[in-house]
């Protein structure tokens, strides 16, 4: 009885550790493939839409984007 509980707890701990490192690996891989948006991306996006952004507009966009991350 005690041995069964111990095996269950050890298995749970091992599963949590493996799950943590797997999630961390996949998250790092995702961020490497899809980097977070930066000022240069916002500037390029606005220029593609036909607008010449100034630094104030870029800062406003960065501030609004950081609210959703």
PDB file of N, CA and C in Angstrom:
ATOM      1  N   UNK A   1       0.830  -1.200   0.000  1.00  0.00           N
ATOM      2  CA  UNK A   1       0.000   0.000   0.000  1.00  0.00           C
ATOM      3  C   UNK A   1       0.866   1.252   0.000  1.00  0.00           C
ATOM      4  N   UNK A   2       1.805   1.349   0.950  1.00  0.00           N
ATOM      5  CA  UNK A   2       2.691   2.510   1.047  1.00  0.00           C
ATOM      6  C   UNK A   2       3.589   2.600  -0.184  1.00  0.00           C
ATOM      7  N   UNK A   3       4.008   1.446  -0.679  1.00  0.00           N
ATOM      8  CA  UNK A   3       4.861   1.412  -1.866  1.00  0.00           C
ATOM      9  C   UNK A   3       4.107   1.932  -3.089  1.00  0.00           C
ATOM     10  N   UNK A   4       2.833   1.616  -3.207  1.00  0.00           N
ATOM     11  CA  UNK A   4       2.031   2.092  -4.338  1.00  0.00           C
ATOM     12  C   UNK A   4       1.889   3.618  -4.314  1.00  0.00           C
ATOM     13  N   UNK A   5       1.672   4.170  -3.145  1.00  0.00           N
ATOM     14  CA  UNK A   5       1.544   5.621  -3.014  1.00  0.00           C
ATOM     15  C   UNK A   5       2.865   6.300  -3.342  1.00  0.00           C
ATOM     16  N   UNK A   6       3.968   5.712  -2.868  1.00  0.00           N
ATOM     17  CA  UNK A   6       5.289   6.266  -3.141  1.00  0.00           C
ATOM     18  C   UNK A   6       5.593   6.249  -4.635  1.00  0.00           C
ATOM     19  N   UNK A   7       5.278   5.164  -5.307  1.00  0.00           N
ATOM     20  CA  UNK A   7       5.494   5.060  -6.752  1.00  0.00           C
ATOM     21  C   UNK A   7       4.641   6.101  -7.485  1.00  0.00           C
ATOM     22  N   UNK A   8       3.417   6.280  -7.052  1.00  0.00           N
ATOM     23  CA  UNK A   8       2.529   7.275  -7.660  1.00  0.00           C
ATOM     24  C   UNK A   8       3.096   8.686  -7.497  1.00  0.00           C
ATOM     25  N   UNK A   9       3.572   9.023  -6.312  1.00  0.00           N
ATOM     26  CA  UNK A   9       4.134  10.349  -6.066  1.00  0.00           C
ATOM     27  C   UNK A   9       5.407  10.582  -6.870  1.00  0.00           C
ATOM     28  N   UNK A  10       6.270   9.574  -6.923  1.00  0.00           N
ATOM     29  CA  UNK A  10       7.507   9.706  -7.697  1.00  0.00           C
ATOM     30  C   UNK A  10       7.181   9.886  -9.184  1.00  0.00           C
ATOM     31  N   UNK A  11       6.226   9.129  -9.668  1.00  0.00           N
ATOM     32  CA  UNK A  11       5.815   9.264 -11.066  1.00  0.00           C
ATOM     33  C   UNK A  11       5.227  10.634 -11.352  1.00  0.00           C
ATOM     34  N   UNK A  12       4.459  11.161 -10.428  1.00  0.00           N
ATOM     35  CA  UNK A  12       3.876  12.488 -10.589  1.00  0.00           C
ATOM     36  C   UNK A  12       4.951  13.566 -10.620  1.00  0.00           C
ATOM     37  N   UNK A  13       5.922  13.469  -9.727  1.00  0.00           N
ATOM     38  CA  UNK A  13       7.012  14.450  -9.696  1.00  0.00           C
ATOM     39  C   UNK A  13       7.831  14.377 -10.983  1.00  0.00           C
ATOM     40  N   UNK A  14       8.148  13.179 -11.421  1.00  0.00           N
ATOM     41  CA  UNK A  14       8.910  13.017 -12.672  1.00  0.00           C
ATOM     42  C   UNK A  14       8.118  13.583 -13.844  1.00  0.00           C
ATOM     43  N   UNK A  15       6.817  13.333 -13.887  1.00  0.00           N
ATOM     44  CA  UNK A  15       5.980  13.861 -14.957  1.00  0.00           C
ATOM     45  C   UNK A  15       5.931  15.383 -14.963  1.00  0.00           C
ATOM     46  N   UNK A  16       5.865  15.968 -13.775  1.00  0.00           N
ATOM     47  CA  UNK A  16       5.858  17.438 -13.688  1.00  0.00           C
ATOM     48  C   UNK A  16       7.178  18.030 -14.166  1.00  0.00           C
ATOM     49  N   UNK A  17       8.285  17.422 -13.781  1.00  0.00           N
ATOM     50  CA  UNK A  17       9.600  17.936 -14.189  1.00  0.00           C
ATOM     51  C   UNK A  17       9.770  17.804 -15.700  1.00  0.00           C
ATOM     52  N   UNK A  18       9.434  16.646 -16.250  1.00  0.00           N
ATOM     53  CA  UNK A  18       9.554  16.442 -17.698  1.00  0.00           C
ATOM     54  C   UNK A  18       8.610  17.387 -18.446  1.00  0.00           C
ATOM     55  N   UNK A  19       7.410  17.554 -17.957  1.00  0.00           N
ATOM     56  CA  UNK A  19       6.452  18.461 -18.581  1.00  0.00           C
ATOM     57  C   UNK A  19       6.927  19.899 -18.560  1.00  0.00           C
ATOM     58  N   UNK A  20       7.523  20.329 -17.461  1.00  0.00           N
ATOM     59  CA  UNK A  20       8.042  21.688 -17.369  1.00  0.00           C
ATOM     60  C   UNK A  20       9.127  21.927 -18.412  1.00  0.00           C
ATOM     61  N   UNK A  21      10.095  21.020 -18.504  1.00  0.00           N
ATOM     62  CA  UNK A  21      11.188  21.213 -19.448  1.00  0.00           C
ATOM     63  C   UNK A  21      10.715  21.085 -20.898  1.00  0.00           C
ATOM     64  N   UNK A  22       9.757  20.229 -21.165  1.00  0.00           N
ATOM     65  CA  UNK A  22       9.212  20.120 -22.522  1.00  0.00           C
ATOM     66  C   UNK A  22       8.484  21.407 -22.900  1.00  0.00           C
ATOM     67  N   UNK A  23       7.672  21.943 -22.005  1.00  0.00           N
ATOM     68  CA  UNK A  23       6.962  23.198 -22.286  1.00  0.00           C
ATOM     69  C   UNK A  23       7.950  24.342 -22.479  1.00  0.00           C
ATOM     70  N   UNK A  24       8.992  24.357 -21.670  1.00  0.00           N
ATOM     71  CA  UNK A  24      10.010  25.406 -21.795  1.00  0.00           C
ATOM     72  C   UNK A  24      10.716  25.321 -23.144  1.00  0.00           C
ATOM     73  N   UNK A  25      11.046  24.104 -23.567  1.00  0.00           N
ATOM     74  CA  UNK A  25      11.708  23.905 -24.855  1.00  0.00           C
ATOM     75  C   UNK A  25      10.810  24.368 -26.009  1.00  0.00           C
ATOM     76  N   UNK A  26       9.541  23.971 -25.988  1.00  0.00           N
ATOM     77  CA  UNK A  26       8.635  24.349 -27.071  1.00  0.00           C
ATOM     78  C   UNK A  26       8.384  25.860 -27.083  1.00  0.00           C
ATOM     79  N   UNK A  27       8.333  26.488 -25.916  1.00  0.00           N
ATOM     80  CA  UNK A  27       8.124  27.932 -25.856  1.00  0.00           C
ATOM     81  C   UNK A  27       9.333  28.677 -26.407  1.00  0.00           C
ATOM     82  N   UNK A  28      10.535  28.229 -26.073  1.00  0.00           N
ATOM     83  CA  UNK A  28      11.738  28.856 -26.609  1.00  0.00           C
ATOM     84  C   UNK A  28      11.803  28.691 -28.124  1.00  0.00           C
ATOM     85  N   UNK A  29      11.425  27.525 -28.611  1.00  0.00           N
ATOM     86  CA  UNK A  29      11.417  27.272 -30.050  1.00  0.00           C
ATOM     87  C   UNK A  29      10.402  28.181 -30.743  1.00  0.00           C
ATOM     88  N   UNK A  30       9.228  28.333 -30.142  1.00  0.00           N
ATOM     89  CA  UNK A  30       8.195  29.193 -30.714  1.00  0.00           C
ATOM     90  C   UNK A  30       8.657  30.653 -30.767  1.00  0.00           C
ATOM     91  N   UNK A  31       9.266  31.131 -29.678  1.00  0.00           N
ATOM     92  CA  UNK A  31       9.725  32.521 -29.654  1.00  0.00           C
ATOM     93  C   UNK A  31      10.878  32.755 -30.620  1.00  0.00           C
ATOM     94  N   UNK A  32      11.668  31.723 -30.876  1.00  0.00           N
ATOM     95  CA  UNK A  32      12.749  31.860 -31.847  1.00  0.00           C
ATOM     96  C   UNK A  32      12.186  31.970 -33.263  1.00  0.00           C
ATOM     97  N   UNK A  33      11.148  31.198 -33.573  1.00  0.00           N
ATOM     98  CA  UNK A  33      10.522  31.238 -34.891  1.00  0.00           C
ATOM     99  C   UNK A  33       9.643  32.463 -35.069  1.00  0.00           C
ATOM    100  N   UNK A  34       8.971  32.909 -34.014  1.00  0.00           N
ATOM    101  CA  UNK A  34       8.060  34.050 -34.058  1.00  0.00           C
ATOM    102  C   UNK A  34       8.454  35.053 -32.978  1.00  0.00           C
ATOM    103  N   UNK A  35       9.463  35.880 -33.263  1.00  0.00           N
ATOM    104  CA  UNK A  35       9.920  36.803 -32.224  1.00  0.00           C
ATOM    105  C   UNK A  35       8.846  37.828 -31.879  1.00  0.00           C
ATOM    106  N   UNK A  36       8.874  38.328 -30.647  1.00  0.00           N
ATOM    107  CA  UNK A  36       7.909  39.356 -30.258  1.00  0.00           C
ATOM    108  C   UNK A  36       8.088  40.609 -31.112  1.00  0.00           C
ATOM    109  N   UNK A  37       7.039  41.373 -31.220  1.00  0.00           N
ATOM    110  CA  UNK A  37       7.072  42.557 -32.077  1.00  0.00           C
ATOM    111  C   UNK A  37       7.976  43.617 -31.451  1.00  0.00           C
ATOM    112  N   UNK A  38       8.713  44.319 -32.292  1.00  0.00           N
ATOM    113  CA  UNK A  38       9.587  45.379 -31.807  1.00  0.00           C
ATOM    114  C   UNK A  38       9.299  46.666 -32.593  1.00  0.00           C
ATOM    115  N   UNK A  39      10.022  47.724 -32.270  1.00  0.00           N
ATOM    116  CA  UNK A  39       9.765  49.025 -32.889  1.00  0.00           C
ATOM    117  C   UNK A  39       9.988  48.999 -34.394  1.00  0.00           C
ATOM    118  N   UNK A  40      10.997  48.269 -34.818  1.00  0.00           N
ATOM    119  CA  UNK A  40      11.299  48.219 -36.257  1.00  0.00           C
ATOM    120  C   UNK A  40      10.167  47.545 -37.031  1.00  0.00           C
ATOM    121  N   UNK A  41       9.563  46.501 -36.455  1.00  0.00           N
ATOM    122  CA  UNK A  41       8.433  45.832 -37.112  1.00  0.00           C
ATOM    123  C   UNK A  41       7.237  46.764 -37.215  1.00  0.00           C
ATOM    124  N   UNK A  42       6.972  47.526 -36.163  1.00  0.00           N
ATOM    125  CA  UNK A  42       5.846  48.466 -36.188  1.00  0.00           C
ATOM    126  C   UNK A  42       6.085  49.537 -37.246  1.00  0.00           C
ATOM    127  N   UNK A  43       7.308  50.044 -37.304  1.00  0.00           N
ATOM    128  CA  UNK A  43       7.646  51.074 -38.291  1.00  0.00           C
ATOM    129  C   UNK A  43       7.465  50.543 -39.710  1.00  0.00           C
ATOM    130  N   UNK A  44       7.926  49.328 -39.960  1.00  0.00           N
ATOM    131  CA  UNK A  44       7.789  48.716 -41.285  1.00  0.00           C
ATOM    132  C   UNK A  44       6.322  48.492 -41.632  1.00  0.00           C
ATOM    133  N   UNK A  45       5.548  48.010 -40.670  1.00  0.00           N
ATOM    134  CA  UNK A  45       4.129  47.766 -40.892  1.00  0.00           C
ATOM    135  C   UNK A  45       3.396  49.054 -41.239  1.00  0.00           C
ATOM    136  N   UNK A  46       3.662  50.117 -40.501  1.00  0.00           N
ATOM    137  CA  UNK A  46       2.989  51.387 -40.771  1.00  0.00           C
ATOM    138  C   UNK A  46       3.404  51.974 -42.119  1.00  0.00           C
ATOM    139  N   UNK A  47       4.660  51.801 -42.484  1.00  0.00           N
ATOM    140  CA  UNK A  47       5.122  52.298 -43.785  1.00  0.00           C
ATOM    141  C   UNK A  47       4.484  51.504 -44.924  1.00  0.00           C
ATOM    142  N   UNK A  48       4.235  50.207 -44.717  1.00  0.00           N
ATOM    143  CA  UNK A  48       3.565  49.403 -45.736  1.00  0.00           C
ATOM    144  C   UNK A  48       2.117  49.830 -45.918  1.00  0.00           C
ATOM    145  N   UNK A  49       1.529  50.365 -44.834  1.00  0.00           N
ATOM    146  CA  UNK A  49       0.153  50.840 -44.924  1.00  0.00           C
ATOM    147  C   UNK A  49       0.092  52.251 -45.488  1.00  0.00           C
ATOM    148  N   UNK A  50       1.229  52.827 -45.828  1.00  0.00           N
ATOM    149  CA  UNK A  50       1.251  54.142 -46.439  1.00  0.00           C
ATOM    150  C   UNK A  50       1.353  55.284 -45.451  1.00  0.00           C
ATOM    151  N   UNK A  51       1.779  55.025 -44.240  1.00  0.00           N
ATOM    152  CA  UNK A  51       1.919  56.073 -43.228  1.00  0.00           C
ATOM    153  C   UNK A  51       3.385  56.232 -42.870  1.00  0.00           C
ATOM    154  N   UNK A  52       3.781  57.439 -42.635  1.00  0.00           N
ATOM    155  CA  UNK A  52       5.141  57.717 -42.166  1.00  0.00           C
ATOM    156  C   UNK A  52       5.060  57.950 -40.666  1.00  0.00           C
ATOM    157  N   UNK A  53       5.400  56.929 -39.860  1.00  0.00           N
ATOM    158  CA  UNK A  53       5.221  57.058 -38.412  1.00  0.00           C
ATOM    159  C   UNK A  53       6.313  57.917 -37.770  1.00  0.00           C
ATOM    160  N   UNK A  54       5.927  58.652 -36.733  1.00  0.00           N
ATOM    161  CA  UNK A  54       6.933  59.341 -35.936  1.00  0.00           C
ATOM    162  C   UNK A  54       7.165  58.530 -34.665  1.00  0.00           C
ATOM    163  N   UNK A  55       8.134  58.947 -33.867  1.00  0.00           N
ATOM    164  CA  UNK A  55       8.514  58.161 -32.695  1.00  0.00           C
ATOM    165  C   UNK A  55       7.388  58.094 -31.668  1.00  0.00           C
ATOM    166  N   UNK A  56       6.587  59.144 -31.568  1.00  0.00           N
ATOM    167  CA  UNK A  56       5.476  59.148 -30.616  1.00  0.00           C
ATOM    168  C   UNK A  56       4.457  58.067 -30.979  1.00  0.00           C
ATOM    169  N   UNK A  57       4.137  57.933 -32.256  1.00  0.00           N
ATOM    170  CA  UNK A  57       3.187  56.905 -32.696  1.00  0.00           C
ATOM    171  C   UNK A  57       3.742  55.506 -32.444  1.00  0.00           C
ATOM    172  N   UNK A  58       5.021  55.325 -32.691  1.00  0.00           N
ATOM    173  CA  UNK A  58       5.645  54.016 -32.459  1.00  0.00           C
ATOM    174  C   UNK A  58       5.602  53.676 -30.976  1.00  0.00           C
ATOM    175  N   UNK A  59       5.899  54.659 -30.128  1.00  0.00           N
ATOM    176  CA  UNK A  59       5.858  54.421 -28.677  1.00  0.00           C
ATOM    177  C   UNK A  59       4.448  54.076 -28.215  1.00  0.00           C
ATOM    178  N   UNK A  60       3.436  54.750 -28.771  1.00  0.00           N
ATOM    179  CA  UNK A  60       2.052  54.448 -28.422  1.00  0.00           C
ATOM    180  C   UNK A  60       1.689  53.023 -28.815  1.00  0.00           C
ATOM    181  N   UNK A  61       2.111  52.612 -29.997  1.00  0.00           N
ATOM    182  CA  UNK A  61       1.832  51.246 -30.459  1.00  0.00           C
ATOM    183  C   UNK A  61       2.536  50.219 -29.573  1.00  0.00           C
ATOM    184  N   UNK A  62       3.788  50.481 -29.205  1.00  0.00           N
ATOM    185  CA  UNK A  62       4.522  49.558 -28.343  1.00  0.00           C
ATOM    186  C   UNK A  62       3.840  49.442 -26.978  1.00  0.00           C
ATOM    187  N   UNK A  63       3.359  50.569 -26.460  1.00  0.00           N
ATOM    188  CA  UNK A  63       2.685  50.560 -25.160  1.00  0.00           C
ATOM    189  C   UNK A  63       1.381  49.767 -25.237  1.00  0.00           C
ATOM    190  N   UNK A  64       0.637  49.957 -26.318  1.00  0.00           N
ATOM    191  CA  UNK A  64      -0.628  49.227 -26.451  1.00  0.00           C
ATOM    192  C   UNK A  64      -0.388  47.737 -26.704  1.00  0.00           C
ATOM    193  N   UNK A  65       0.682  47.386 -27.403  1.00  0.00           N
ATOM    194  CA  UNK A  65       1.006  45.984 -27.644  1.00  0.00           C
ATOM    195  C   UNK A  65       1.462  45.298 -26.353  1.00  0.00           C
ATOM    196  N   UNK A  66       2.162  46.025 -25.493  1.00  0.00           N
ATOM    197  CA  UNK A  66       2.648  45.407 -24.255  1.00  0.00           C
ATOM    198  C   UNK A  66       1.518  45.099 -23.296  1.00  0.00           C
ATOM    199  N   UNK A  67       0.384  45.767 -23.425  1.00  0.00           N
ATOM    200  CA  UNK A  67      -0.772  45.472 -22.582  1.00  0.00           C
ATOM    201  C   UNK A  67      -1.325  44.084 -22.862  1.00  0.00           C
ATOM    202  N   UNK A  68      -1.206  43.613 -24.108  1.00  0.00           N
ATOM    203  CA  UNK A  68      -1.776  42.336 -24.511  1.00  0.00           C
ATOM    204  C   UNK A  68      -0.810  41.169 -24.400  1.00  0.00           C
ATOM    205  N   UNK A  69       0.412  41.419 -23.967  1.00  0.00           N
ATOM    206  CA  UNK A  69       1.374  40.319 -23.846  1.00  0.00           C
ATOM    207  C   UNK A  69       1.479  39.834 -22.443  1.00  0.00           C
TER     208      UNK A  69
END
